[in-house]
């Protein structure tokens, strides 16, 4: 299982890259802070998983890894979704930062994180599709292409997560490599979109 650390580490690298790049853009666009916040919790989950598997699937890190992964899949995806929406329209700051945190806390308390992961994944997919339409309307073709690749990667993540695995090792790596591609393509899309403004 130590090989699981490789693809988890790739997700961490892409999410950290997204966090750094978008924090640099945040002076130009406040919505970038939300997207960077989402990427940072994805990086935290991936780094925890990387450390867990480097240590030979250390049971001490299993619960934090799963907790951070759920947090990234719910609050992180919501922050990224709201950040993408914020690139197009203004959203109230308190709403965009606080609601995903409260929502995650309630879902965790009610033990509803698994169904919520599906809902947030479908929500971010919808937001990404709407963002592609907006980019094409604004003739932002290069960011639009990155965004299309990101959206296709997210579709791949959802498909991989929903089918029964034939080979758990292969499924693990495929899921995480495609998730890393999603983060990288989304970062490049937002960066290029802001550079056109």
C-alpha atoms as a PDB file:
ATOM      1  CA  UNK A   1       0.000   0.000   0.000  1.00  0.00           C
ATOM      2  CA  UNK A   2       2.860   2.510   0.239  1.00  0.00           C
ATOM      3  CA  UNK A   3       2.423   3.038  -3.518  1.00  0.00           C
ATOM      4  CA  UNK A   4      -0.920   4.740  -2.716  1.00  0.00           C
ATOM      5  CA  UNK A   5       1.185   7.660  -1.471  1.00  0.00           C
ATOM      6  CA  UNK A   6       2.370   8.385  -5.032  1.00  0.00           C
ATOM      7  CA  UNK A   7      -1.005   9.351  -6.472  1.00  0.00           C
ATOM      8  CA  UNK A   8      -2.133  11.022  -3.237  1.00  0.00           C
ATOM      9  CA  UNK A   9       1.097  13.030  -3.381  1.00  0.00           C
ATOM     10  CA  UNK A  10       0.315  14.055  -6.964  1.00  0.00           C
ATOM     11  CA  UNK A  11      -3.065  15.405  -5.833  1.00  0.00           C
ATOM     12  CA  UNK A  12      -1.290  17.296  -3.041  1.00  0.00           C
ATOM     13  CA  UNK A  13       1.201  18.853  -5.477  1.00  0.00           C
ATOM     14  CA  UNK A  14      -1.507  19.993  -7.913  1.00  0.00           C
ATOM     15  CA  UNK A  15      -3.713  21.340  -5.110  1.00  0.00           C
ATOM     16  CA  UNK A  16      -0.780  23.195  -3.536  1.00  0.00           C
ATOM     17  CA  UNK A  17       0.102  24.631  -6.952  1.00  0.00           C
ATOM     18  CA  UNK A  18      -3.514  25.791  -7.341  1.00  0.00           C
ATOM     19  CA  UNK A  19      -3.519  27.326  -3.869  1.00  0.00           C
ATOM     20  CA  UNK A  20      -0.293  29.271  -4.452  1.00  0.00           C
ATOM     21  CA  UNK A  21      -1.167  30.456  -7.971  1.00  0.00           C
ATOM     22  CA  UNK A  22      -4.656  31.598  -7.013  1.00  0.00           C
ATOM     23  CA  UNK A  23      -3.582  33.304  -3.799  1.00  0.00           C
ATOM     24  CA  UNK A  24      -1.247  35.391  -5.956  1.00  0.00           C
ATOM     25  CA  UNK A  25      -4.249  36.326  -8.102  1.00  0.00           C
ATOM     26  CA  UNK A  26      -6.463  37.119  -5.098  1.00  0.00           C
ATOM     27  CA  UNK A  27      -5.552  40.811  -5.063  1.00  0.00           C
ATOM     28  CA  UNK A  28      -7.083  41.055  -8.524  1.00  0.00           C
ATOM     29  CA  UNK A  29     -10.108  38.888  -7.750  1.00  0.00           C
ATOM     30  CA  UNK A  30     -11.399  37.999  -4.274  1.00  0.00           C
ATOM     31  CA  UNK A  31     -13.100  34.868  -5.642  1.00  0.00           C
ATOM     32  CA  UNK A  32      -9.622  33.369  -6.059  1.00  0.00           C
ATOM     33  CA  UNK A  33      -9.299  33.180  -2.262  1.00  0.00           C
ATOM     34  CA  UNK A  34     -12.315  30.869  -2.159  1.00  0.00           C
ATOM     35  CA  UNK A  35     -10.925  28.612  -4.868  1.00  0.00           C
ATOM     36  CA  UNK A  36      -7.511  28.632  -3.154  1.00  0.00           C
ATOM     37  CA  UNK A  37      -9.230  27.781   0.142  1.00  0.00           C
ATOM     38  CA  UNK A  38     -10.897  24.799  -1.504  1.00  0.00           C
ATOM     39  CA  UNK A  39      -7.619  23.655  -3.000  1.00  0.00           C
ATOM     40  CA  UNK A  40      -5.859  24.054   0.351  1.00  0.00           C
ATOM     41  CA  UNK A  41      -8.210  21.610   2.107  1.00  0.00           C
ATOM     42  CA  UNK A  42      -7.833  19.176  -0.794  1.00  0.00           C
ATOM     43  CA  UNK A  43      -4.048  19.504  -0.355  1.00  0.00           C
ATOM     44  CA  UNK A  44      -4.403  18.883   3.388  1.00  0.00           C
ATOM     45  CA  UNK A  45      -6.408  15.702   2.769  1.00  0.00           C
ATOM     46  CA  UNK A  46      -3.939  14.499   0.147  1.00  0.00           C
ATOM     47  CA  UNK A  47      -0.897  15.271   2.307  1.00  0.00           C
ATOM     48  CA  UNK A  48      -2.459  13.409   5.233  1.00  0.00           C
ATOM     49  CA  UNK A  49      -3.119  10.448   2.927  1.00  0.00           C
ATOM     50  CA  UNK A  50       0.401  10.594   1.539  1.00  0.00           C
ATOM     51  CA  UNK A  51       1.865  10.533   5.033  1.00  0.00           C
ATOM     52  CA  UNK A  52      -0.518   7.740   6.055  1.00  0.00           C
ATOM     53  CA  UNK A  53       0.559   5.506   3.188  1.00  0.00           C
ATOM     54  CA  UNK A  54       4.259   6.348   3.395  1.00  0.00           C
ATOM     55  CA  UNK A  55       4.044   5.035   6.946  1.00  0.00           C
ATOM     56  CA  UNK A  56       2.503   1.768   5.706  1.00  0.00           C
ATOM     57  CA  UNK A  57      -1.209   2.606   6.094  1.00  0.00           C
ATOM     58  CA  UNK A  58      -0.641   3.817   9.631  1.00  0.00           C
ATOM     59  CA  UNK A  59      -3.921   3.441  11.544  1.00  0.00           C
ATOM     60  CA  UNK A  60      -3.120   6.626  13.470  1.00  0.00           C
ATOM     61  CA  UNK A  61      -3.586   8.665  10.268  1.00  0.00           C
ATOM     62  CA  UNK A  62      -6.567   6.766   8.835  1.00  0.00           C
ATOM     63  CA  UNK A  63      -9.291   8.712  10.686  1.00  0.00           C
ATOM     64  CA  UNK A  64      -7.762  12.171  10.016  1.00  0.00           C
ATOM     65  CA  UNK A  65      -7.226  11.250   6.354  1.00  0.00           C
ATOM     66  CA  UNK A  66     -10.875  10.200   5.958  1.00  0.00           C
ATOM     67  CA  UNK A  67     -12.117  13.242   7.898  1.00  0.00           C
ATOM     68  CA  UNK A  68     -10.030  15.683   5.825  1.00  0.00           C
ATOM     69  CA  UNK A  69     -11.076  13.907   2.624  1.00  0.00           C
ATOM     70  CA  UNK A  70     -14.764  14.341   3.483  1.00  0.00           C
ATOM     71  CA  UNK A  71     -14.126  17.963   4.459  1.00  0.00           C
ATOM     72  CA  UNK A  72     -12.338  18.574   1.148  1.00  0.00           C
ATOM     73  CA  UNK A  73     -15.109  16.872  -0.808  1.00  0.00           C
ATOM     74  CA  UNK A  74     -17.822  18.940   0.835  1.00  0.00           C
ATOM     75  CA  UNK A  75     -16.493  22.302   2.031  1.00  0.00           C
ATOM     76  CA  UNK A  76     -13.554  22.379  -0.384  1.00  0.00           C
ATOM     77  CA  UNK A  77     -15.736  21.650  -3.406  1.00  0.00           C
ATOM     78  CA  UNK A  78     -18.292  24.213  -2.225  1.00  0.00           C
ATOM     79  CA  UNK A  79     -15.617  26.898  -1.793  1.00  0.00           C
ATOM     80  CA  UNK A  80     -14.302  26.159  -5.269  1.00  0.00           C
ATOM     81  CA  UNK A  81     -17.839  26.251  -6.711  1.00  0.00           C
ATOM     82  CA  UNK A  82     -18.656  29.533  -4.984  1.00  0.00           C
ATOM     83  CA  UNK A  83     -15.299  30.949  -6.100  1.00  0.00           C
ATOM     84  CA  UNK A  84     -16.070  30.054  -9.716  1.00  0.00           C
ATOM     85  CA  UNK A  85     -19.471  31.705  -9.340  1.00  0.00           C
ATOM     86  CA  UNK A  86     -17.735  34.722  -7.786  1.00  0.00           C
ATOM     87  CA  UNK A  87     -15.627  35.179 -10.914  1.00  0.00           C
ATOM     88  CA  UNK A  88     -18.849  35.940 -12.779  1.00  0.00           C
ATOM     89  CA  UNK A  89     -21.052  37.594 -10.127  1.00  0.00           C
ATOM     90  CA  UNK A  90     -20.649  39.120  -6.659  1.00  0.00           C
ATOM     91  CA  UNK A  91     -21.473  36.919  -3.686  1.00  0.00           C
ATOM     92  CA  UNK A  92     -21.640  37.977  -0.013  1.00  0.00           C
ATOM     93  CA  UNK A  93     -18.321  37.145   1.666  1.00  0.00           C
ATOM     94  CA  UNK A  94     -19.786  35.797   4.920  1.00  0.00           C
ATOM     95  CA  UNK A  95     -22.083  33.463   2.997  1.00  0.00           C
ATOM     96  CA  UNK A  96     -19.318  32.077   0.821  1.00  0.00           C
ATOM     97  CA  UNK A  97     -16.911  31.256   3.657  1.00  0.00           C
ATOM     98  CA  UNK A  98     -19.256  30.328   6.496  1.00  0.00           C
ATOM     99  CA  UNK A  99     -22.022  28.282   4.849  1.00  0.00           C
ATOM    100  CA  UNK A 100     -19.753  25.439   3.654  1.00  0.00           C
ATOM    101  CA  UNK A 101     -18.266  25.167   7.156  1.00  0.00           C
ATOM    102  CA  UNK A 102     -21.648  25.084   8.865  1.00  0.00           C
ATOM    103  CA  UNK A 103     -23.003  22.690   6.247  1.00  0.00           C
ATOM    104  CA  UNK A 104     -20.094  20.307   6.765  1.00  0.00           C
ATOM    105  CA  UNK A 105     -20.515  20.410  10.546  1.00  0.00           C
ATOM    106  CA  UNK A 106     -24.229  19.610  10.303  1.00  0.00           C
ATOM    107  CA  UNK A 107     -23.668  16.802   7.784  1.00  0.00           C
ATOM    108  CA  UNK A 108     -20.898  15.322   9.917  1.00  0.00           C
ATOM    109  CA  UNK A 109     -23.088  15.452  13.031  1.00  0.00           C
ATOM    110  CA  UNK A 110     -25.926  13.735  11.148  1.00  0.00           C
ATOM    111  CA  UNK A 111     -23.532  11.210   9.577  1.00  0.00           C
ATOM    112  CA  UNK A 112     -24.611  12.274   6.069  1.00  0.00           C
ATOM    113  CA  UNK A 113     -21.221  12.993   4.535  1.00  0.00           C
ATOM    114  CA  UNK A 114     -21.378  10.272   1.845  1.00  0.00           C
ATOM    115  CA  UNK A 115     -24.663  11.454   0.227  1.00  0.00           C
ATOM    116  CA  UNK A 116     -23.454  15.046   0.573  1.00  0.00           C
ATOM    117  CA  UNK A 117     -20.260  14.219  -1.334  1.00  0.00           C
ATOM    118  CA  UNK A 118     -22.401  13.160  -4.296  1.00  0.00           C
ATOM    119  CA  UNK A 119     -24.471  16.348  -4.124  1.00  0.00           C
ATOM    120  CA  UNK A 120     -21.448  18.659  -3.860  1.00  0.00           C
ATOM    121  CA  UNK A 121     -19.729  16.819  -6.716  1.00  0.00           C
ATOM    122  CA  UNK A 122     -22.772  17.292  -8.945  1.00  0.00           C
ATOM    123  CA  UNK A 123     -23.025  20.934  -7.831  1.00  0.00           C
ATOM    124  CA  UNK A 124     -19.421  21.736  -8.765  1.00  0.00           C
ATOM    125  CA  UNK A 125     -19.908  19.905 -12.074  1.00  0.00           C
ATOM    126  CA  UNK A 126     -22.946  22.103 -12.815  1.00  0.00           C
ATOM    127  CA  UNK A 127     -21.040  25.259 -11.865  1.00  0.00           C
ATOM    128  CA  UNK A 128     -18.135  24.242 -14.082  1.00  0.00           C
ATOM    129  CA  UNK A 129     -20.472  23.673 -17.046  1.00  0.00           C
ATOM    130  CA  UNK A 130     -22.048  27.094 -16.481  1.00  0.00           C
ATOM    131  CA  UNK A 131     -18.566  28.619 -16.237  1.00  0.00           C
ATOM    132  CA  UNK A 132     -17.629  27.108 -19.608  1.00  0.00           C
ATOM    133  CA  UNK A 133     -20.712  28.722 -21.148  1.00  0.00           C
ATOM    134  CA  UNK A 134     -19.802  32.103 -19.618  1.00  0.00           C
ATOM    135  CA  UNK A 135     -16.193  31.826 -20.815  1.00  0.00           C
ATOM    136  CA  UNK A 136     -17.291  30.998 -24.342  1.00  0.00           C
ATOM    137  CA  UNK A 137     -19.758  33.913 -24.321  1.00  0.00           C
ATOM    138  CA  UNK A 138     -16.882  36.209 -23.326  1.00  0.00           C
ATOM    139  CA  UNK A 139     -14.713  34.646 -26.067  1.00  0.00           C
ATOM    140  CA  UNK A 140     -12.256  33.420 -23.433  1.00  0.00           C
ATOM    141  CA  UNK A 141     -11.249  30.434 -25.510  1.00  0.00           C
ATOM    142  CA  UNK A 142      -7.939  29.426 -23.940  1.00  0.00           C
ATOM    143  CA  UNK A 143      -9.324  29.431 -20.365  1.00  0.00           C
ATOM    144  CA  UNK A 144     -12.409  27.745 -21.779  1.00  0.00           C
ATOM    145  CA  UNK A 145     -10.348  24.865 -23.163  1.00  0.00           C
ATOM    146  CA  UNK A 146      -8.605  24.394 -19.783  1.00  0.00           C
ATOM    147  CA  UNK A 147     -12.032  24.516 -18.133  1.00  0.00           C
ATOM    148  CA  UNK A 148     -13.446  21.911 -20.517  1.00  0.00           C
ATOM    149  CA  UNK A 149     -10.488  19.627 -19.711  1.00  0.00           C
ATOM    150  CA  UNK A 150     -11.073  20.252 -16.001  1.00  0.00           C
ATOM    151  CA  UNK A 151     -14.779  19.449 -16.335  1.00  0.00           C
ATOM    152  CA  UNK A 152     -14.047  16.251 -18.269  1.00  0.00           C
ATOM    153  CA  UNK A 153     -11.559  15.280 -15.556  1.00  0.00           C
ATOM    154  CA  UNK A 154     -14.200  15.894 -12.888  1.00  0.00           C
ATOM    155  CA  UNK A 155     -16.625  13.695 -14.852  1.00  0.00           C
ATOM    156  CA  UNK A 156     -13.904  11.031 -14.875  1.00  0.00           C
ATOM    157  CA  UNK A 157     -13.499  11.321 -11.106  1.00  0.00           C
ATOM    158  CA  UNK A 158     -17.256  10.888 -10.625  1.00  0.00           C
ATOM    159  CA  UNK A 159     -17.408   7.871 -12.950  1.00  0.00           C
ATOM    160  CA  UNK A 160     -14.405   6.197 -11.332  1.00  0.00           C
ATOM    161  CA  UNK A 161     -15.879   6.778  -7.864  1.00  0.00           C
ATOM    162  CA  UNK A 162     -19.259   5.342  -8.825  1.00  0.00           C
ATOM    163  CA  UNK A 163     -18.295   2.084 -10.538  1.00  0.00           C
ATOM    164  CA  UNK A 164     -17.343  -1.043  -8.611  1.00  0.00           C
ATOM    165  CA  UNK A 165     -13.565  -1.452  -8.765  1.00  0.00           C
ATOM    166  CA  UNK A 166     -12.156  -4.406 -10.666  1.00  0.00           C
ATOM    167  CA  UNK A 167      -8.739  -3.706  -9.210  1.00  0.00           C
ATOM    168  CA  UNK A 168      -8.693  -1.543  -6.044  1.00  0.00           C
ATOM    169  CA  UNK A 169      -5.076  -0.453  -6.582  1.00  0.00           C
ATOM    170  CA  UNK A 170      -5.705   0.613 -10.168  1.00  0.00           C
ATOM    171  CA  UNK A 171      -8.936   2.370  -9.194  1.00  0.00           C
ATOM    172  CA  UNK A 172      -7.152   4.255  -6.384  1.00  0.00           C
ATOM    173  CA  UNK A 173      -4.406   5.524  -8.664  1.00  0.00           C
ATOM    174  CA  UNK A 174      -6.710   6.325 -11.567  1.00  0.00           C
ATOM    175  CA  UNK A 175      -9.088   8.270  -9.293  1.00  0.00           C
ATOM    176  CA  UNK A 176      -6.277  10.325  -7.750  1.00  0.00           C
ATOM    177  CA  UNK A 177      -4.414  10.993 -11.012  1.00  0.00           C
ATOM    178  CA  UNK A 178      -7.631  12.227 -12.652  1.00  0.00           C
ATOM    179  CA  UNK A 179      -8.414  14.331  -9.539  1.00  0.00           C
ATOM    180  CA  UNK A 180      -4.930  15.869  -9.772  1.00  0.00           C
ATOM    181  CA  UNK A 181      -5.528  16.641 -13.465  1.00  0.00           C
ATOM    182  CA  UNK A 182      -8.828  18.310 -12.542  1.00  0.00           C
ATOM    183  CA  UNK A 183      -7.086  20.576 -10.012  1.00  0.00           C
ATOM    184  CA  UNK A 184      -4.295  21.473 -12.439  1.00  0.00           C
ATOM    185  CA  UNK A 185      -6.627  22.210 -15.375  1.00  0.00           C
ATOM    186  CA  UNK A 186      -8.964  24.267 -13.174  1.00  0.00           C
ATOM    187  CA  UNK A 187      -6.043  26.322 -11.858  1.00  0.00           C
ATOM    188  CA  UNK A 188      -4.787  27.008 -15.391  1.00  0.00           C
ATOM    189  CA  UNK A 189      -8.299  27.965 -16.503  1.00  0.00           C
ATOM    190  CA  UNK A 190      -8.848  30.493 -13.723  1.00  0.00           C
ATOM    191  CA  UNK A 191      -5.324  31.906 -14.084  1.00  0.00           C
ATOM    192  CA  UNK A 192      -5.743  32.412 -17.846  1.00  0.00           C
ATOM    193  CA  UNK A 193      -9.266  33.789 -17.423  1.00  0.00           C
ATOM    194  CA  UNK A 194      -8.023  36.456 -14.994  1.00  0.00           C
ATOM    195  CA  UNK A 195      -5.048  37.341 -17.193  1.00  0.00           C
ATOM    196  CA  UNK A 196      -7.484  38.180 -20.015  1.00  0.00           C
ATOM    197  CA  UNK A 197      -9.357  40.726 -17.873  1.00  0.00           C
END
